[in-house]
Amino acid sequence: YADGEIEHIDGISISYEDWHFNVRASNTEPLL
């Protein structure tokens, strides 16, 4: 998703004009 606006405040946040998402790792388990 390199064509979106990317931030690494906590995990990865990616924004487009009409949608966005954040993916971050769990602190305790092998989960995203």
PDB file of all heavy atoms in Angstrom:
ATOM      1  N   TYR A   1       0.824  -1.213   0.000  1.00  0.00           N
ATOM      2  CA  TYR A   1       0.000   0.000   0.000  1.00  0.00           C
ATOM      3  C   TYR A   1       0.865   1.272   0.000  1.00  0.00           C
ATOM      4  O   TYR A   1       0.548   2.265   0.632  1.00  0.00           O
ATOM      5  CB  TYR A   1      -0.952  -0.014   1.202  1.00  0.00           C
ATOM      6  CG  TYR A   1      -1.990  -1.107   1.082  1.00  0.00           C
ATOM      7  CD1 TYR A   1      -1.821  -2.320   1.738  1.00  0.00           C
ATOM      8  CD2 TYR A   1      -3.113  -0.938   0.297  1.00  0.00           C
ATOM      9  CE1 TYR A   1      -2.765  -3.342   1.615  1.00  0.00           C
ATOM     10  CE2 TYR A   1      -4.068  -1.949   0.162  1.00  0.00           C
ATOM     11  CZ  TYR A   1      -3.878  -3.150   0.823  1.00  0.00           C
ATOM     12  OH  TYR A   1      -4.816  -4.149   0.687  1.00  0.00           O
ATOM     13  N   ALA A   2       1.948   1.190  -0.742  1.00  0.00           N
ATOM     14  CA  ALA A   2       2.909   2.309  -0.783  1.00  0.00           C
ATOM     15  C   ALA A   2       2.327   3.568  -1.415  1.00  0.00           C
ATOM     16  O   ALA A   2       2.865   4.671  -1.228  1.00  0.00           O
ATOM     17  CB  ALA A   2       4.167   1.882  -1.538  1.00  0.00           C
ATOM     18  N   ASP A   3       1.222   3.436  -2.150  1.00  0.00           N
ATOM     19  CA  ASP A   3       0.621   4.615  -2.786  1.00  0.00           C
ATOM     20  C   ASP A   3      -0.270   5.396  -1.815  1.00  0.00           C
ATOM     21  O   ASP A   3      -0.762   6.477  -2.144  1.00  0.00           O
ATOM     22  CB  ASP A   3      -0.187   4.207  -4.020  1.00  0.00           C
ATOM     23  CG  ASP A   3      -1.324   3.247  -3.674  1.00  0.00           C
ATOM     24  OD1 ASP A   3      -1.189   2.485  -2.685  1.00  0.00           O
ATOM     25  OD2 ASP A   3      -2.347   3.254  -4.386  1.00  0.00           O
ATOM     26  N   GLY A   4      -0.485   4.864  -0.590  1.00  0.00           N
ATOM     27  CA  GLY A   4      -1.264   5.586   0.422  1.00  0.00           C
ATOM     28  C   GLY A   4      -0.366   6.468   1.274  1.00  0.00           C
ATOM     29  O   GLY A   4       0.866   6.449   1.137  1.00  0.00           O
ATOM     30  N   GLU A   5      -0.986   7.242   2.137  1.00  0.00           N
ATOM     31  CA  GLU A   5      -0.222   8.064   3.091  1.00  0.00           C
ATOM     32  C   GLU A   5       0.095   7.186   4.297  1.00  0.00           C
ATOM     33  O   GLU A   5      -0.801   6.724   5.000  1.00  0.00           O
ATOM     34  CB  GLU A   5      -1.059   9.272   3.509  1.00  0.00           C
ATOM     35  CG  GLU A   5      -0.324  10.235   4.422  1.00  0.00           C
ATOM     36  CD  GLU A   5      -1.227  11.373   4.890  1.00  0.00           C
ATOM     37  OE1 GLU A   5      -2.030  11.878   4.075  1.00  0.00           O
ATOM     38  OE2 GLU A   5      -1.134  11.729   6.083  1.00  0.00           O
ATOM     39  N   ILE A   6       1.372   6.949   4.539  1.00  0.00           N
ATOM     40  CA  ILE A   6       1.792   5.970   5.552  1.00  0.00           C
ATOM     41  C   ILE A   6       2.348   6.677   6.794  1.00  0.00           C
ATOM     42  O   ILE A   6       3.136   7.616   6.695  1.00  0.00           O
ATOM     43  CB  ILE A   6       2.867   5.015   4.970  1.00  0.00           C
ATOM     44  CG1 ILE A   6       2.268   4.207   3.811  1.00  0.00           C
ATOM     45  CG2 ILE A   6       3.413   4.086   6.043  1.00  0.00           C
ATOM     46  CD1 ILE A   6       3.249   3.270   3.135  1.00  0.00           C
ATOM     47  N   GLU A   7       1.919   6.188   7.965  1.00  0.00           N
ATOM     48  CA  GLU A   7       2.455   6.664   9.246  1.00  0.00           C
ATOM     49  C   GLU A   7       2.818   5.455  10.100  1.00  0.00           C
ATOM     50  O   GLU A   7       2.144   4.418  10.039  1.00  0.00           O
ATOM     51  CB  GLU A   7       1.418   7.519   9.988  1.00  0.00           C
ATOM     52  CG  GLU A   7       1.116   8.855   9.333  1.00  0.00           C
ATOM     53  CD  GLU A   7       0.044   9.619  10.102  1.00  0.00           C
ATOM     54  OE1 GLU A   7      -1.048   9.064  10.308  1.00  0.00           O
ATOM     55  OE2 GLU A   7       0.316  10.764  10.494  1.00  0.00           O
ATOM     56  N   HIS A   8       3.870   5.628  10.904  1.00  0.00           N
ATOM     57  CA  HIS A   8       4.319   4.541  11.788  1.00  0.00           C
ATOM     58  C   HIS A   8       4.253   4.990  13.252  1.00  0.00           C
ATOM     59  O   HIS A   8       5.202   4.795  14.012  1.00  0.00           O
ATOM     60  CB  HIS A   8       5.742   4.107  11.426  1.00  0.00           C
ATOM     61  CG  HIS A   8       5.844   3.404  10.104  1.00  0.00           C
ATOM     62  ND1 HIS A   8       5.489   2.087   9.930  1.00  0.00           N
ATOM     63  CD2 HIS A   8       6.240   3.851   8.893  1.00  0.00           C
ATOM     64  CE1 HIS A   8       5.675   1.740   8.667  1.00  0.00           C
ATOM     65  NE2 HIS A   8       6.135   2.792   8.008  1.00  0.00           N
ATOM     66  N   ILE A   9       3.140   5.580  13.644  1.00  0.00           N
ATOM     67  CA  ILE A   9       2.996   6.014  15.042  1.00  0.00           C
ATOM     68  C   ILE A   9       2.913   4.796  15.959  1.00  0.00           C
ATOM     69  O   ILE A   9       3.536   4.739  17.014  1.00  0.00           O
ATOM     70  CB  ILE A   9       1.746   6.900  15.210  1.00  0.00           C
ATOM     71  CG1 ILE A   9       1.883   8.172  14.373  1.00  0.00           C
ATOM     72  CG2 ILE A   9       1.513   7.256  16.688  1.00  0.00           C
ATOM     73  CD1 ILE A   9       0.591   8.960  14.236  1.00  0.00           C
ATOM     74  N   ASP A  10       2.125   3.805  15.532  1.00  0.00           N
ATOM     75  CA  ASP A  10       1.934   2.574  16.304  1.00  0.00           C
ATOM     76  C   ASP A  10       1.530   1.508  15.294  1.00  0.00           C
ATOM     77  O   ASP A  10       0.431   1.550  14.748  1.00  0.00           O
ATOM     78  CB  ASP A  10       0.829   2.780  17.345  1.00  0.00           C
ATOM     79  CG  ASP A  10       0.755   1.647  18.366  1.00  0.00           C
ATOM     80  OD1 ASP A  10       1.376   0.593  18.121  1.00  0.00           O
ATOM     81  OD2 ASP A  10       0.080   1.811  19.388  1.00  0.00           O
ATOM     82  N   GLY A  11       2.443   0.569  15.010  1.00  0.00           N
ATOM     83  CA  GLY A  11       2.201  -0.338  13.893  1.00  0.00           C
ATOM     84  C   GLY A  11       2.294   0.459  12.606  1.00  0.00           C
ATOM     85  O   GLY A  11       3.185   1.293  12.431  1.00  0.00           O
ATOM     86  N   ILE A  12       1.339   0.242  11.705  1.00  0.00           N
ATOM     87  CA  ILE A  12       1.313   1.004  10.453  1.00  0.00           C
ATOM     88  C   ILE A  12      -0.097   1.528  10.205  1.00  0.00           C
ATOM     89  O   ILE A  12      -1.080   0.800  10.357  1.00  0.00           O
ATOM     90  CB  ILE A  12       1.807   0.142   9.261  1.00  0.00           C
ATOM     91  CG1 ILE A  12       1.944   1.002   7.996  1.00  0.00           C
ATOM     92  CG2 ILE A  12       0.914  -1.074   9.027  1.00  0.00           C
ATOM     93  CD1 ILE A  12       2.703   0.315   6.873  1.00  0.00           C
ATOM     94  N   SER A  13      -0.200   2.806   9.884  1.00  0.00           N
ATOM     95  CA  SER A  13      -1.472   3.423   9.522  1.00  0.00           C
ATOM     96  C   SER A  13      -1.358   3.911   8.078  1.00  0.00           C
ATOM     97  O   SER A  13      -0.390   4.591   7.732  1.00  0.00           O
ATOM     98  CB  SER A  13      -1.785   4.615  10.439  1.00  0.00           C
ATOM     99  OG  SER A  13      -1.909   4.198  11.785  1.00  0.00           O
ATOM    100  N   ILE A  14      -2.352   3.550   7.261  1.00  0.00           N
ATOM    101  CA  ILE A  14      -2.335   3.934   5.847  1.00  0.00           C
ATOM    102  C   ILE A  14      -3.665   4.582   5.494  1.00  0.00           C
ATOM    103  O   ILE A  14      -4.732   4.035   5.797  1.00  0.00           O
ATOM    104  CB  ILE A  14      -2.058   2.714   4.942  1.00  0.00           C
ATOM    105  CG1 ILE A  14      -0.687   2.109   5.327  1.00  0.00           C
ATOM    106  CG2 ILE A  14      -2.088   3.113   3.467  1.00  0.00           C
ATOM    107  CD1 ILE A  14      -0.276   0.909   4.519  1.00  0.00           C
ATOM    108  N   SER A  15      -3.581   5.768   4.890  1.00  0.00           N
ATOM    109  CA  SER A  15      -4.789   6.549   4.584  1.00  0.00           C
ATOM    110  C   SER A  15      -4.906   6.826   3.091  1.00  0.00           C
ATOM    111  O   SER A  15      -3.915   7.149   2.418  1.00  0.00           O
ATOM    112  CB  SER A  15      -4.758   7.891   5.318  1.00  0.00           C
ATOM    113  OG  SER A  15      -4.662   7.702   6.711  1.00  0.00           O
ATOM    114  N   TYR A  16      -6.136   6.703   2.604  1.00  0.00           N
ATOM    115  CA  TYR A  16      -6.525   7.148   1.274  1.00  0.00           C
ATOM    116  C   TYR A  16      -7.645   8.176   1.446  1.00  0.00           C
ATOM    117  O   TYR A  16      -8.058   8.470   2.568  1.00  0.00           O
ATOM    118  CB  TYR A  16      -6.991   5.960   0.425  1.00  0.00           C
ATOM    119  CG  TYR A  16      -5.881   4.972   0.141  1.00  0.00           C
ATOM    120  CD1 TYR A  16      -5.631   3.918   1.027  1.00  0.00           C
ATOM    121  CD2 TYR A  16      -5.080   5.094  -0.987  1.00  0.00           C
ATOM    122  CE1 TYR A  16      -4.615   3.004   0.781  1.00  0.00           C
ATOM    123  CE2 TYR A  16      -4.062   4.185  -1.248  1.00  0.00           C
ATOM    124  CZ  TYR A  16      -3.817   3.146  -0.356  1.00  0.00           C
ATOM    125  OH  TYR A  16      -2.808   2.253  -0.603  1.00  0.00           O
ATOM    126  N   GLU A  17      -8.145   8.699   0.336  1.00  0.00           N
ATOM    127  CA  GLU A  17      -9.130   9.776   0.427  1.00  0.00           C
ATOM    128  C   GLU A  17     -10.418   9.343   1.128  1.00  0.00           C
ATOM    129  O   GLU A  17     -10.984  10.081   1.916  1.00  0.00           O
ATOM    130  CB  GLU A  17      -9.458  10.284  -0.984  1.00  0.00           C
ATOM    131  CG  GLU A  17     -10.142  11.639  -0.967  1.00  0.00           C
ATOM    132  CD  GLU A  17     -10.200  12.271  -2.350  1.00  0.00           C
ATOM    133  OE1 GLU A  17      -9.166  12.266  -3.056  1.00  0.00           O
ATOM    134  OE2 GLU A  17     -11.284  12.744  -2.709  1.00  0.00           O
ATOM    135  N   ASP A  18     -10.854   8.116   0.854  1.00  0.00           N
ATOM    136  CA  ASP A  18     -12.148   7.702   1.395  1.00  0.00           C
ATOM    137  C   ASP A  18     -12.082   6.449   2.276  1.00  0.00           C
ATOM    138  O   ASP A  18     -13.101   5.872   2.634  1.00  0.00           O
ATOM    139  CB  ASP A  18     -13.167   7.479   0.266  1.00  0.00           C
ATOM    140  CG  ASP A  18     -12.702   6.407  -0.718  1.00  0.00           C
ATOM    141  OD1 ASP A  18     -11.514   6.006  -0.664  1.00  0.00           O
ATOM    142  OD2 ASP A  18     -13.535   5.974  -1.542  1.00  0.00           O
ATOM    143  N   TRP A  19     -10.867   6.009   2.632  1.00  0.00           N
ATOM    144  CA  TRP A  19     -10.737   4.886   3.578  1.00  0.00           C
ATOM    145  C   TRP A  19      -9.345   4.898   4.186  1.00  0.00           C
ATOM    146  O   TRP A  19      -8.419   5.517   3.651  1.00  0.00           O
ATOM    147  CB  TRP A  19     -11.044   3.551   2.901  1.00  0.00           C
ATOM    148  CG  TRP A  19     -10.022   3.091   1.886  1.00  0.00           C
ATOM    149  CD1 TRP A  19      -9.792   3.605   0.645  1.00  0.00           C
ATOM    150  CD2 TRP A  19      -9.096   2.011   2.040  1.00  0.00           C
ATOM    151  NE1 TRP A  19      -8.782   2.915   0.020  1.00  0.00           N
ATOM    152  CE2 TRP A  19      -8.348   1.928   0.829  1.00  0.00           C
ATOM    153  CE3 TRP A  19      -8.831   1.091   3.059  1.00  0.00           C
ATOM    154  CZ2 TRP A  19      -7.347   0.973   0.640  1.00  0.00           C
ATOM    155  CZ3 TRP A  19      -7.839   0.131   2.857  1.00  0.00           C
ATOM    156  CH2 TRP A  19      -7.111   0.078   1.667  1.00  0.00           C
ATOM    157  N   HIS A  20      -9.214   4.260   5.322  1.00  0.00           N
ATOM    158  CA  HIS A  20      -7.908   4.172   5.995  1.00  0.00           C
ATOM    159  C   HIS A  20      -7.917   2.964   6.925  1.00  0.00           C
ATOM    160  O   HIS A  20      -8.982   2.434   7.272  1.00  0.00           O
ATOM    161  CB  HIS A  20      -7.606   5.460   6.769  1.00  0.00           C
ATOM    162  CG  HIS A  20      -8.466   5.674   7.978  1.00  0.00           C
ATOM    163  ND1 HIS A  20      -7.979   5.690   9.264  1.00  0.00           N
ATOM    164  CD2 HIS A  20      -9.809   5.877   8.091  1.00  0.00           C
ATOM    165  CE1 HIS A  20      -8.974   5.904  10.116  1.00  0.00           C
ATOM    166  NE2 HIS A  20     -10.096   6.023   9.431  1.00  0.00           N
ATOM    167  N   PHE A  21      -6.718   2.550   7.311  1.00  0.00           N
ATOM    168  CA  PHE A  21      -6.647   1.425   8.256  1.00  0.00           C
ATOM    169  C   PHE A  21      -5.370   1.499   9.080  1.00  0.00           C
ATOM    170  O   PHE A  21      -4.393   2.157   8.704  1.00  0.00           O
ATOM    171  CB  PHE A  21      -6.758   0.080   7.523  1.00  0.00           C
ATOM    172  CG  PHE A  21      -5.586  -0.282   6.634  1.00  0.00           C
ATOM    173  CD1 PHE A  21      -4.556  -1.078   7.091  1.00  0.00           C
ATOM    174  CD2 PHE A  21      -5.545   0.162   5.301  1.00  0.00           C
ATOM    175  CE1 PHE A  21      -3.497  -1.434   6.270  1.00  0.00           C
ATOM    176  CE2 PHE A  21      -4.490  -0.185   4.465  1.00  0.00           C
ATOM    177  CZ  PHE A  21      -3.462  -0.982   4.950  1.00  0.00           C
ATOM    178  N   ASN A  22      -5.416   0.799  10.218  1.00  0.00           N
ATOM    179  CA  ASN A  22      -4.244   0.628  11.083  1.00  0.00           C
ATOM    180  C   ASN A  22      -4.058  -0.866  11.336  1.00  0.00           C
ATOM    181  O   ASN A  22      -5.027  -1.581  11.598  1.00  0.00           O
ATOM    182  CB  ASN A  22      -4.426   1.370  12.414  1.00  0.00           C
ATOM    183  CG  ASN A  22      -3.325   1.039  13.422  1.00  0.00           C
ATOM    184  OD1 ASN A  22      -3.492   0.166  14.268  1.00  0.00           O
ATOM    185  ND2 ASN A  22      -2.205   1.728  13.326  1.00  0.00           N
ATOM    186  N   VAL A  23      -2.821  -1.299  11.241  1.00  0.00           N
ATOM    187  CA  VAL A  23      -2.462  -2.673  11.616  1.00  0.00           C
ATOM    188  C   VAL A  23      -1.335  -2.587  12.636  1.00  0.00           C
ATOM    189  O   VAL A  23      -0.319  -1.935  12.395  1.00  0.00           O
ATOM    190  CB  VAL A  23      -2.005  -3.503  10.396  1.00  0.00           C
ATOM    191  CG1 VAL A  23      -1.531  -4.883  10.846  1.00  0.00           C
ATOM    192  CG2 VAL A  23      -3.125  -3.631   9.373  1.00  0.00           C
ATOM    193  N   ARG A  24      -1.547  -3.223  13.785  1.00  0.00           N
ATOM    194  CA  ARG A  24      -0.518  -3.213  14.829  1.00  0.00           C
ATOM    195  C   ARG A  24      -0.423  -4.590  15.455  1.00  0.00           C
ATOM    196  O   ARG A  24      -1.403  -5.355  15.480  1.00  0.00           O
ATOM    197  CB  ARG A  24      -0.791  -2.135  15.888  1.00  0.00           C
ATOM    198  CG  ARG A  24      -2.147  -2.188  16.506  1.00  0.00           C
ATOM    199  CD  ARG A  24      -2.439  -0.981  17.391  1.00  0.00           C
ATOM    200  NE  ARG A  24      -1.639  -0.998  18.606  1.00  0.00           N
ATOM    201  CZ  ARG A  24      -1.964  -1.701  19.694  1.00  0.00           C
ATOM    202  NH1 ARG A  24      -3.044  -2.455  19.725  1.00  0.00           N
ATOM    203  NH2 ARG A  24      -1.199  -1.666  20.758  1.00  0.00           N
ATOM    204  N   ALA A  25       0.767  -4.885  15.947  1.00  0.00           N
ATOM    205  CA  ALA A  25       1.001  -6.194  16.566  1.00  0.00           C
ATOM    206  C   ALA A  25       0.478  -6.193  17.993  1.00  0.00           C
ATOM    207  O   ALA A  25       0.558  -5.184  18.701  1.00  0.00           O
ATOM    208  CB  ALA A  25       2.491  -6.512  16.545  1.00  0.00           C
ATOM    209  N   SER A  26      -0.047  -7.334  18.418  1.00  0.00           N
ATOM    210  CA  SER A  26      -0.418  -7.514  19.823  1.00  0.00           C
ATOM    211  C   SER A  26       0.839  -7.454  20.677  1.00  0.00           C
ATOM    212  O   SER A  26       1.916  -7.876  20.252  1.00  0.00           O
ATOM    213  CB  SER A  26      -1.092  -8.872  20.003  1.00  0.00           C
ATOM    214  OG  SER A  26      -1.102  -9.252  21.363  1.00  0.00           O
ATOM    215  N   ASN A  27       0.699  -6.928  21.897  1.00  0.00           N
ATOM    216  CA  ASN A  27       1.842  -6.894  22.821  1.00  0.00           C
ATOM    217  C   ASN A  27       2.106  -8.256  23.462  1.00  0.00           C
ATOM    218  O   ASN A  27       3.156  -8.465  24.061  1.00  0.00           O
ATOM    219  CB  ASN A  27       1.586  -5.875  23.935  1.00  0.00           C
ATOM    220  CG  ASN A  27       1.735  -4.453  23.438  1.00  0.00           C
ATOM    221  OD1 ASN A  27       2.750  -4.099  22.875  1.00  0.00           O
ATOM    222  ND2 ASN A  27       0.701  -3.649  23.628  1.00  0.00           N
ATOM    223  N   THR A  28       1.142  -9.175  23.349  1.00  0.00           N
ATOM    224  CA  THR A  28       1.235 -10.411  24.132  1.00  0.00           C
ATOM    225  C   THR A  28       1.165 -11.694  23.304  1.00  0.00           C
ATOM    226  O   THR A  28       1.527 -12.753  23.780  1.00  0.00           O
ATOM    227  CB  THR A  28       0.103 -10.450  25.182  1.00  0.00           C
ATOM    228  OG1 THR A  28      -1.148 -10.235  24.512  1.00  0.00           O
ATOM    229  CG2 THR A  28       0.305  -9.375  26.231  1.00  0.00           C
ATOM    230  N   GLU A  29       0.685 -11.598  22.051  1.00  0.00           N
ATOM    231  CA  GLU A  29       0.493 -12.800  21.240  1.00  0.00           C
ATOM    232  C   GLU A  29       0.964 -12.541  19.807  1.00  0.00           C
ATOM    233  O   GLU A  29       1.074 -11.390  19.398  1.00  0.00           O
ATOM    234  CB  GLU A  29      -1.001 -13.175  21.192  1.00  0.00           C
ATOM    235  CG  GLU A  29      -1.641 -13.379  22.550  1.00  0.00           C
ATOM    236  CD  GLU A  29      -3.161 -13.456  22.429  1.00  0.00           C
ATOM    237  OE1 GLU A  29      -3.665 -14.580  22.207  1.00  0.00           O
ATOM    238  OE2 GLU A  29      -3.827 -12.415  22.531  1.00  0.00           O
ATOM    239  N   PRO A  30       1.211 -13.623  19.022  1.00  0.00           N
ATOM    240  CA  PRO A  30       1.626 -13.426  17.617  1.00  0.00           C
ATOM    241  C   PRO A  30       0.421 -13.076  16.737  1.00  0.00           C
ATOM    242  O   PRO A  30       0.042 -13.804  15.830  1.00  0.00           O
ATOM    243  CB  PRO A  30       2.234 -14.783  17.245  1.00  0.00           C
ATOM    244  CG  PRO A  30       1.506 -15.767  18.099  1.00  0.00           C
ATOM    245  CD  PRO A  30       1.216 -15.048  19.398  1.00  0.00           C
ATOM    246  N   LEU A  31      -0.193 -11.940  17.041  1.00  0.00           N
ATOM    247  CA  LEU A  31      -1.394 -11.499  16.335  1.00  0.00           C
ATOM    248  C   LEU A  31      -1.157 -10.139  15.703  1.00  0.00           C
ATOM    249  O   LEU A  31      -0.418  -9.308  16.249  1.00  0.00           O
ATOM    250  CB  LEU A  31      -2.577 -11.359  17.308  1.00  0.00           C
ATOM    251  CG  LEU A  31      -3.115 -12.594  18.011  1.00  0.00           C
ATOM    252  CD1 LEU A  31      -4.211 -12.192  18.989  1.00  0.00           C
ATOM    253  CD2 LEU A  31      -3.647 -13.601  17.012  1.00  0.00           C
ATOM    254  N   LEU A  32      -1.824  -9.900  14.569  1.00  0.00           N
ATOM    255  CA  LEU A  32      -1.945  -8.556  14.024  1.00  0.00           C
ATOM    256  C   LEU A  32      -3.399  -8.120  14.183  1.00  0.00           C
ATOM    257  O   LEU A  32      -4.319  -8.902  13.938  1.00  0.00           O
ATOM    258  CB  LEU A  32      -1.548  -8.518  12.552  1.00  0.00           C
ATOM    259  CG  LEU A  32      -0.045  -8.555  12.251  1.00  0.00           C
ATOM    260  CD1 LEU A  32       0.189  -8.505  10.742  1.00  0.00           C
ATOM    261  CD2 LEU A  32       0.694  -7.408  12.925  1.00  0.00           C
TER     262      LEU A  32
END
